[in-house]
Structure formats: C-alpha cells, structure tokens
C-alpha atoms as a PDB file:
ATOM      1  CA  UNK A   1      64.799   7.888  32.108  1.00  0.00           C
ATOM      2  CA  UNK A   2      61.798   7.175  34.287  1.00  0.00           C
ATOM      3  CA  UNK A   3      58.962   4.816  33.507  1.00  0.00           C
ATOM      4  CA  UNK A   4      56.575   7.766  33.512  1.00  0.00           C
ATOM      5  CA  UNK A   5      58.451   9.409  30.623  1.00  0.00           C
ATOM      6  CA  UNK A   6      58.691   6.120  28.708  1.00  0.00           C
ATOM      7  CA  UNK A   7      54.984   5.508  29.185  1.00  0.00           C
ATOM      8  CA  UNK A   8      54.117   9.040  28.017  1.00  0.00           C
ATOM      9  CA  UNK A   9      56.267   8.589  24.911  1.00  0.00           C
ATOM     10  CA  UNK A  10      54.680   5.188  24.211  1.00  0.00           C
ATOM     11  CA  UNK A  11      51.135   6.580  24.541  1.00  0.00           C
ATOM     12  CA  UNK A  12      52.020   9.656  22.462  1.00  0.00           C
ATOM     13  CA  UNK A  13      53.579   7.630  19.663  1.00  0.00           C
ATOM     14  CA  UNK A  14      50.651   5.264  19.332  1.00  0.00           C
ATOM     15  CA  UNK A  15      48.235   8.144  19.774  1.00  0.00           C
ATOM     16  CA  UNK A  16      49.747   9.855  16.734  1.00  0.00           C
ATOM     17  CA  UNK A  17      49.531   6.595  14.797  1.00  0.00           C
ATOM     18  CA  UNK A  18      45.874   6.243  15.701  1.00  0.00           C
ATOM     19  CA  UNK A  19      45.215   9.864  14.716  1.00  0.00           C
ATOM     20  CA  UNK A  20      46.794   9.181  11.322  1.00  0.00           C
ATOM     21  CA  UNK A  21      44.768   6.054  10.729  1.00  0.00           C
ATOM     22  CA  UNK A  22      41.407   7.141  12.138  1.00  0.00           C
ATOM     23  CA  UNK A  23      41.514  10.948  12.078  1.00  0.00           C
ATOM     24  CA  UNK A  24      43.266  11.749   8.820  1.00  0.00           C
ATOM     25  CA  UNK A  25      42.210   8.757   6.745  1.00  0.00           C
ATOM     26  CA  UNK A  26      39.771   9.126   3.916  1.00  0.00           C
ATOM     27  CA  UNK A  27      39.341  11.898   1.421  1.00  0.00           C
ATOM     28  CA  UNK A  28      42.289  14.298   1.626  1.00  0.00           C
ATOM     29  CA  UNK A  29      40.269  17.174   0.178  1.00  0.00           C
ATOM     30  CA  UNK A  30      38.023  17.560   3.218  1.00  0.00           C
ATOM     31  CA  UNK A  31      38.302  18.024   6.939  1.00  0.00           C
ATOM     32  CA  UNK A  32      41.368  17.813   9.119  1.00  0.00           C
ATOM     33  CA  UNK A  33      43.615  16.244   6.455  1.00  0.00           C
ATOM     34  CA  UNK A  34      43.146  19.259   4.180  1.00  0.00           C
ATOM     35  CA  UNK A  35      43.997  21.722   6.968  1.00  0.00           C
ATOM     36  CA  UNK A  36      47.080  19.809   8.069  1.00  0.00           C
ATOM     37  CA  UNK A  37      48.449  19.084   4.563  1.00  0.00           C
ATOM     38  CA  UNK A  38      50.782  22.119   4.435  1.00  0.00           C
ATOM     39  CA  UNK A  39      52.182  21.225   7.847  1.00  0.00           C
ATOM     40  CA  UNK A  40      52.683  17.547   7.128  1.00  0.00           C
ATOM     41  CA  UNK A  41      54.497  18.385   3.902  1.00  0.00           C
ATOM     42  CA  UNK A  42      57.176  20.180   5.932  1.00  0.00           C
ATOM     43  CA  UNK A  43      57.835  17.397   8.434  1.00  0.00           C
ATOM     44  CA  UNK A  44      60.404  15.404   6.380  1.00  0.00           C
ATOM     45  CA  UNK A  45      62.487  18.495   5.636  1.00  0.00           C
ATOM     46  CA  UNK A  46      62.437  19.596   9.277  1.00  0.00           C
ATOM     47  CA  UNK A  47      63.398  16.114  10.484  1.00  0.00           C
ATOM     48  CA  UNK A  48      66.254  15.893   7.972  1.00  0.00           C
ATOM     49  CA  UNK A  49      67.555  19.348   8.997  1.00  0.00           C
ATOM     50  CA  UNK A  50      67.412  18.402  12.683  1.00  0.00           C
ATOM     51  CA  UNK A  51      69.353  15.193  12.038  1.00  0.00           C
ATOM     52  CA  UNK A  52      72.026  17.109  10.129  1.00  0.00           C
ATOM     53  CA  UNK A  53      72.462  19.637  12.931  1.00  0.00           C
ATOM     54  CA  UNK A  54      72.634  16.965  15.636  1.00  0.00           C
ATOM     55  CA  UNK A  55      75.213  14.960  13.696  1.00  0.00           C
ATOM     56  CA  UNK A  56      77.247  18.075  12.948  1.00  0.00           C
ATOM     57  CA  UNK A  57      77.520  19.790  16.320  1.00  0.00           C
ATOM     58  CA  UNK A  58      76.472  17.104  18.779  1.00  0.00           C
ATOM     59  CA  UNK A  59      78.960  15.045  20.786  1.00  0.00           C
ATOM     60  CA  UNK A  60      78.132  13.229  24.019  1.00  0.00           C
ATOM     61  CA  UNK A  61      75.503  15.693  25.259  1.00  0.00           C
ATOM     62  CA  UNK A  62      77.656  18.711  24.441  1.00  0.00           C
ATOM     63  CA  UNK A  63      78.278  21.008  21.511  1.00  0.00           C
ATOM     64  CA  UNK A  64      81.266  20.216  19.360  1.00  0.00           C
ATOM     65  CA  UNK A  65      82.404  23.033  17.086  1.00  0.00           C
ATOM     66  CA  UNK A  66      84.933  21.534  14.688  1.00  0.00           C
ATOM     67  CA  UNK A  67      85.626  20.977  11.000  1.00  0.00           C
ATOM     68  CA  UNK A  68      82.225  19.395  10.395  1.00  0.00           C
ATOM     69  CA  UNK A  69      80.565  22.762  11.000  1.00  0.00           C
ATOM     70  CA  UNK A  70      82.760  24.401   8.371  1.00  0.00           C
ATOM     71  CA  UNK A  71      81.768  21.662   5.932  1.00  0.00           C
ATOM     72  CA  UNK A  72      78.113  22.213   6.707  1.00  0.00           C
ATOM     73  CA  UNK A  73      78.475  25.944   6.084  1.00  0.00           C
ATOM     74  CA  UNK A  74      80.140  25.204   2.741  1.00  0.00           C
ATOM     75  CA  UNK A  75      77.263  22.875   1.827  1.00  0.00           C
ATOM     76  CA  UNK A  76      74.695  25.511   2.772  1.00  0.00           C
ATOM     77  CA  UNK A  77      76.450  28.069   0.613  1.00  0.00           C
ATOM     78  CA  UNK A  78      76.564  25.633  -2.300  1.00  0.00           C
ATOM     79  CA  UNK A  79      72.876  24.790  -1.920  1.00  0.00           C
ATOM     80  CA  UNK A  80      71.949  28.472  -1.732  1.00  0.00           C
ATOM     81  CA  UNK A  81      73.723  28.981  -5.054  1.00  0.00           C
ATOM     82  CA  UNK A  82      71.744  26.052  -6.506  1.00  0.00           C
ATOM     83  CA  UNK A  83      74.769  23.852  -7.111  1.00  0.00           C
ATOM     84  CA  UNK A  84      74.212  20.209  -8.141  1.00  0.00           C
ATOM     85  CA  UNK A  85      74.150  17.615  -5.371  1.00  0.00           C
ATOM     86  CA  UNK A  86      77.571  16.222  -6.273  1.00  0.00           C
ATOM     87  CA  UNK A  87      79.096  19.700  -6.012  1.00  0.00           C
ATOM     88  CA  UNK A  88      77.404  20.301  -2.637  1.00  0.00           C
ATOM     89  CA  UNK A  89      78.794  17.061  -1.202  1.00  0.00           C
ATOM     90  CA  UNK A  90      82.211  17.629  -2.759  1.00  0.00           C
ATOM     91  CA  UNK A  91      82.458  21.154  -1.375  1.00  0.00           C
ATOM     92  CA  UNK A  92      81.484  19.985   2.105  1.00  0.00           C
ATOM     93  CA  UNK A  93      84.047  17.177   1.988  1.00  0.00           C
ATOM     94  CA  UNK A  94      86.820  19.427   0.689  1.00  0.00           C
ATOM     95  CA  UNK A  95      86.232  22.205   3.228  1.00  0.00           C
ATOM     96  CA  UNK A  96      86.028  19.716   6.081  1.00  0.00           C
ATOM     97  CA  UNK A  97      89.277  18.040   4.980  1.00  0.00           C
ATOM     98  CA  UNK A  98      91.104  21.372   4.614  1.00  0.00           C
ATOM     99  CA  UNK A  99      89.986  22.605   8.037  1.00  0.00           C
ATOM    100  CA  UNK A 100      91.006  19.309   9.636  1.00  0.00           C
ATOM    101  CA  UNK A 101      94.390  19.445   7.927  1.00  0.00           C
ATOM    102  CA  UNK A 102      95.002  23.023   9.034  1.00  0.00           C
ATOM    103  CA  UNK A 103      93.877  22.333  12.591  1.00  0.00           C
ATOM    104  CA  UNK A 104      96.432  19.566  12.793  1.00  0.00           C
END
C-alpha cells in the first residue's frame, strides 16, 4: 500500500470524525443531522452484514465456497422465518457440521 493511499485514508477518517463532531452535533431535529438520520441508522446493520459475508466466503484474497456458506444460508432461512437467536445459531452450526462431515 502506498503512502498516498494511507494518507488519504488518514485524512478521510479524521475528516469524518470532524464532520460528526462539528457538522452533526447539536439539535438532532434540525439541519444535516435530521436529513442523515435514516442513513446513519442503517450503518451498523450494513457493517455487520459485510463482516459476515467477508468471514464466510473470504480466504486469502479469494472466494472460498465451503460449508460455512451452507451454514449462512441456513441462518438466513431461520431468520426469515423469525426463529429465536438460539435456533438461528444452532441451525447454522448443525448445517455447517453436516456439510463438513459429508464433504469428508
């Protein structure tokens, strides 16, 4: 990674921090904070989803399609059927274990 990219990331990160402190601070019912509230409410969910996908199919700068993907699909199905969290995790673990056992 070049120093130019590192510098741009450094400036961008602190620029966003400054925007949060100086631009969005104050009364949340007026101005920029009010307009960005729906967007900022979605950021944690999007970040969590991205982390799940990277951990599931990422492996050393390549895609890895294996039993973890089957477990993720089982978890998505369980969540879509509004299953409790323990059932979602248990289904993902069970499907992943079965696929790994069958794959040998």
